Amino acid sequence: MQISDIIGTIAAIAMVFGYLPQTVRTIRTRSTDDIAMGTFLMMGLGSAAFAIQGILTRNIPLFATNLLTTTMSAIIFGIKIYNDYFKKR
């Protein structure tokens, strides 16, 4: 295993476990008042772009990691949209 593979593995683990606590908390509490919509939108778009790059370069770890983070970001963003625009009506 090359040093770049080790660093990539550490980055993948950090990304997934960085999103996971916020995703679990948001699903459990449905609270999104303290979440910046722009942040999760941009982070989700960035993750989606990296997932596409993973497909195009046939880099399965890059694709898988960013598919997970895109999904978690989409869940949080979806709950945020629901809370901000539909629940308060």
C-alpha atoms as a PDB file:
ATOM      1  CA  MET A   1       0.000   0.000   0.000  1.00  0.00           C
ATOM      2  CA  GLN A   2       1.389   3.367  -1.022  1.00  0.00           C
ATOM      3  CA  ILE A   3       1.389   6.448   1.189  1.00  0.00           C
ATOM      4  CA  SER A   4      -1.251   8.045  -1.070  1.00  0.00           C
ATOM      5  CA  ASP A   5      -3.539   5.034  -0.458  1.00  0.00           C
ATOM      6  CA  ILE A   6      -3.078   5.353   3.296  1.00  0.00           C
ATOM      7  CA  ILE A   7      -3.833   9.085   3.216  1.00  0.00           C
ATOM      8  CA  GLY A   8      -6.860   8.452   0.990  1.00  0.00           C
ATOM      9  CA  THR A   9      -8.170   5.820   3.391  1.00  0.00           C
ATOM     10  CA  ILE A  10      -7.762   8.179   6.342  1.00  0.00           C
ATOM     11  CA  ALA A  11      -9.557  10.925   4.378  1.00  0.00           C
ATOM     12  CA  ALA A  12     -12.424   8.590   3.463  1.00  0.00           C
ATOM     13  CA  ILE A  13     -12.901   7.473   7.059  1.00  0.00           C
ATOM     14  CA  ALA A  14     -12.746  11.065   8.301  1.00  0.00           C
ATOM     15  CA  MET A  15     -15.301  12.252   5.726  1.00  0.00           C
ATOM     16  CA  VAL A  16     -17.830   9.525   6.457  1.00  0.00           C
ATOM     17  CA  PHE A  17     -17.478   9.740  10.220  1.00  0.00           C
ATOM     18  CA  GLY A  18     -17.506  13.544  10.005  1.00  0.00           C
ATOM     19  CA  TYR A  19     -20.962  13.541   8.414  1.00  0.00           C
ATOM     20  CA  LEU A  20     -22.380  10.618  10.382  1.00  0.00           C
ATOM     21  CA  PRO A  21     -22.980  12.251  13.807  1.00  0.00           C
ATOM     22  CA  GLN A  22     -24.806  15.227  12.283  1.00  0.00           C
ATOM     23  CA  THR A  23     -26.877  12.960  10.068  1.00  0.00           C
ATOM     24  CA  VAL A  24     -27.889  10.680  12.946  1.00  0.00           C
ATOM     25  CA  ARG A  25     -28.691  13.666  15.178  1.00  0.00           C
ATOM     26  CA  THR A  26     -30.762  15.356  12.482  1.00  0.00           C
ATOM     27  CA  ILE A  27     -32.732  12.189  11.747  1.00  0.00           C
ATOM     28  CA  ARG A  28     -33.407  11.567  15.448  1.00  0.00           C
ATOM     29  CA  THR A  29     -34.300  15.100  16.526  1.00  0.00           C
ATOM     30  CA  ARG A  30     -35.527  16.561  13.209  1.00  0.00           C
ATOM     31  CA  SER A  31     -33.923  19.778  14.457  1.00  0.00           C
ATOM     32  CA  THR A  32     -32.164  21.835  11.797  1.00  0.00           C
ATOM     33  CA  ASP A  33     -32.315  25.343  13.261  1.00  0.00           C
ATOM     34  CA  ASP A  34     -28.539  25.505  13.787  1.00  0.00           C
ATOM     35  CA  ILE A  35     -27.624  24.052  10.394  1.00  0.00           C
ATOM     36  CA  ALA A  36     -26.494  26.433   7.661  1.00  0.00           C
ATOM     37  CA  MET A  37     -28.379  25.480   4.502  1.00  0.00           C
ATOM     38  CA  GLY A  38     -25.710  26.888   2.209  1.00  0.00           C
ATOM     39  CA  THR A  39     -23.006  24.857   3.897  1.00  0.00           C
ATOM     40  CA  PHE A  40     -24.769  21.530   3.447  1.00  0.00           C
ATOM     41  CA  LEU A  41     -25.823  22.417  -0.084  1.00  0.00           C
ATOM     42  CA  MET A  42     -22.254  23.202  -1.128  1.00  0.00           C
ATOM     43  CA  MET A  43     -20.789  20.233   0.749  1.00  0.00           C
ATOM     44  CA  GLY A  44     -23.348  17.967  -0.895  1.00  0.00           C
ATOM     45  CA  LEU A  45     -22.580  19.353  -4.343  1.00  0.00           C
ATOM     46  CA  GLY A  46     -18.862  18.914  -3.702  1.00  0.00           C
ATOM     47  CA  SER A  47     -19.363  15.324  -2.610  1.00  0.00           C
ATOM     48  CA  ALA A  48     -21.533  14.632  -5.651  1.00  0.00           C
ATOM     49  CA  ALA A  49     -18.846  16.067  -7.936  1.00  0.00           C
ATOM     50  CA  PHE A  50     -16.202  13.868  -6.294  1.00  0.00           C
ATOM     51  CA  ALA A  51     -18.492  10.842  -6.688  1.00  0.00           C
ATOM     52  CA  ILE A  52     -18.799  11.601 -10.402  1.00  0.00           C
ATOM     53  CA  GLN A  53     -15.035  11.991 -10.614  1.00  0.00           C
ATOM     54  CA  GLY A  54     -14.698   8.600  -8.936  1.00  0.00           C
ATOM     55  CA  ILE A  55     -16.900   7.026 -11.608  1.00  0.00           C
ATOM     56  CA  LEU A  56     -15.092   8.752 -14.469  1.00  0.00           C
ATOM     57  CA  THR A  57     -11.643   7.759 -13.176  1.00  0.00           C
ATOM     58  CA  ARG A  58     -12.808   4.308 -12.054  1.00  0.00           C
ATOM     59  CA  ASN A  59     -11.696   5.123  -8.529  1.00  0.00           C
ATOM     60  CA  ILE A  60     -14.184   3.039  -6.552  1.00  0.00           C
ATOM     61  CA  PRO A  61     -13.062   4.206  -3.064  1.00  0.00           C
ATOM     62  CA  LEU A  62     -13.465   7.849  -4.120  1.00  0.00           C
ATOM     63  CA  PHE A  63     -16.889   7.080  -5.576  1.00  0.00           C
ATOM     64  CA  ALA A  64     -18.100   5.048  -2.573  1.00  0.00           C
ATOM     65  CA  THR A  65     -16.954   7.554   0.035  1.00  0.00           C
ATOM     66  CA  ASN A  66     -18.545  10.467  -1.746  1.00  0.00           C
ATOM     67  CA  LEU A  67     -21.718   8.558  -2.509  1.00  0.00           C
ATOM     68  CA  LEU A  68     -22.098   8.046   1.255  1.00  0.00           C
ATOM     69  CA  THR A  69     -21.351  11.675   2.105  1.00  0.00           C
ATOM     70  CA  THR A  70     -23.641  12.925  -0.682  1.00  0.00           C
ATOM     71  CA  THR A  71     -26.447  10.744   0.662  1.00  0.00           C
ATOM     72  CA  MET A  72     -25.943  11.972   4.232  1.00  0.00           C
ATOM     73  CA  SER A  73     -25.773  15.577   3.079  1.00  0.00           C
ATOM     74  CA  ALA A  74     -28.948  15.116   1.017  1.00  0.00           C
ATOM     75  CA  ILE A  75     -30.780  13.691   4.026  1.00  0.00           C
ATOM     76  CA  ILE A  76     -29.782  16.644   6.200  1.00  0.00           C
ATOM     77  CA  PHE A  77     -30.553  19.124   3.421  1.00  0.00           C
ATOM     78  CA  GLY A  78     -33.946  17.525   2.783  1.00  0.00           C
ATOM     79  CA  ILE A  79     -34.930  17.721   6.450  1.00  0.00           C
ATOM     80  CA  LYS A  80     -33.670  21.324   6.538  1.00  0.00           C
ATOM     81  CA  ILE A  81     -35.801  22.272   3.498  1.00  0.00           C
ATOM     82  CA  TYR A  82     -38.833  20.548   5.002  1.00  0.00           C
ATOM     83  CA  ASN A  83     -38.389  22.305   8.347  1.00  0.00           C
ATOM     84  CA  ASP A  84     -37.684  25.747   6.906  1.00  0.00           C
ATOM     85  CA  TYR A  85     -40.271  25.857   4.130  1.00  0.00           C
ATOM     86  CA  PHE A  86     -43.049  23.376   4.792  1.00  0.00           C
ATOM     87  CA  LYS A  87     -43.255  22.706   8.536  1.00  0.00           C
ATOM     88  CA  LYS A  88     -43.475  26.349   9.589  1.00  0.00           C
ATOM     89  CA  ARG A  89     -46.442  27.129   7.306  1.00  0.00           C
END
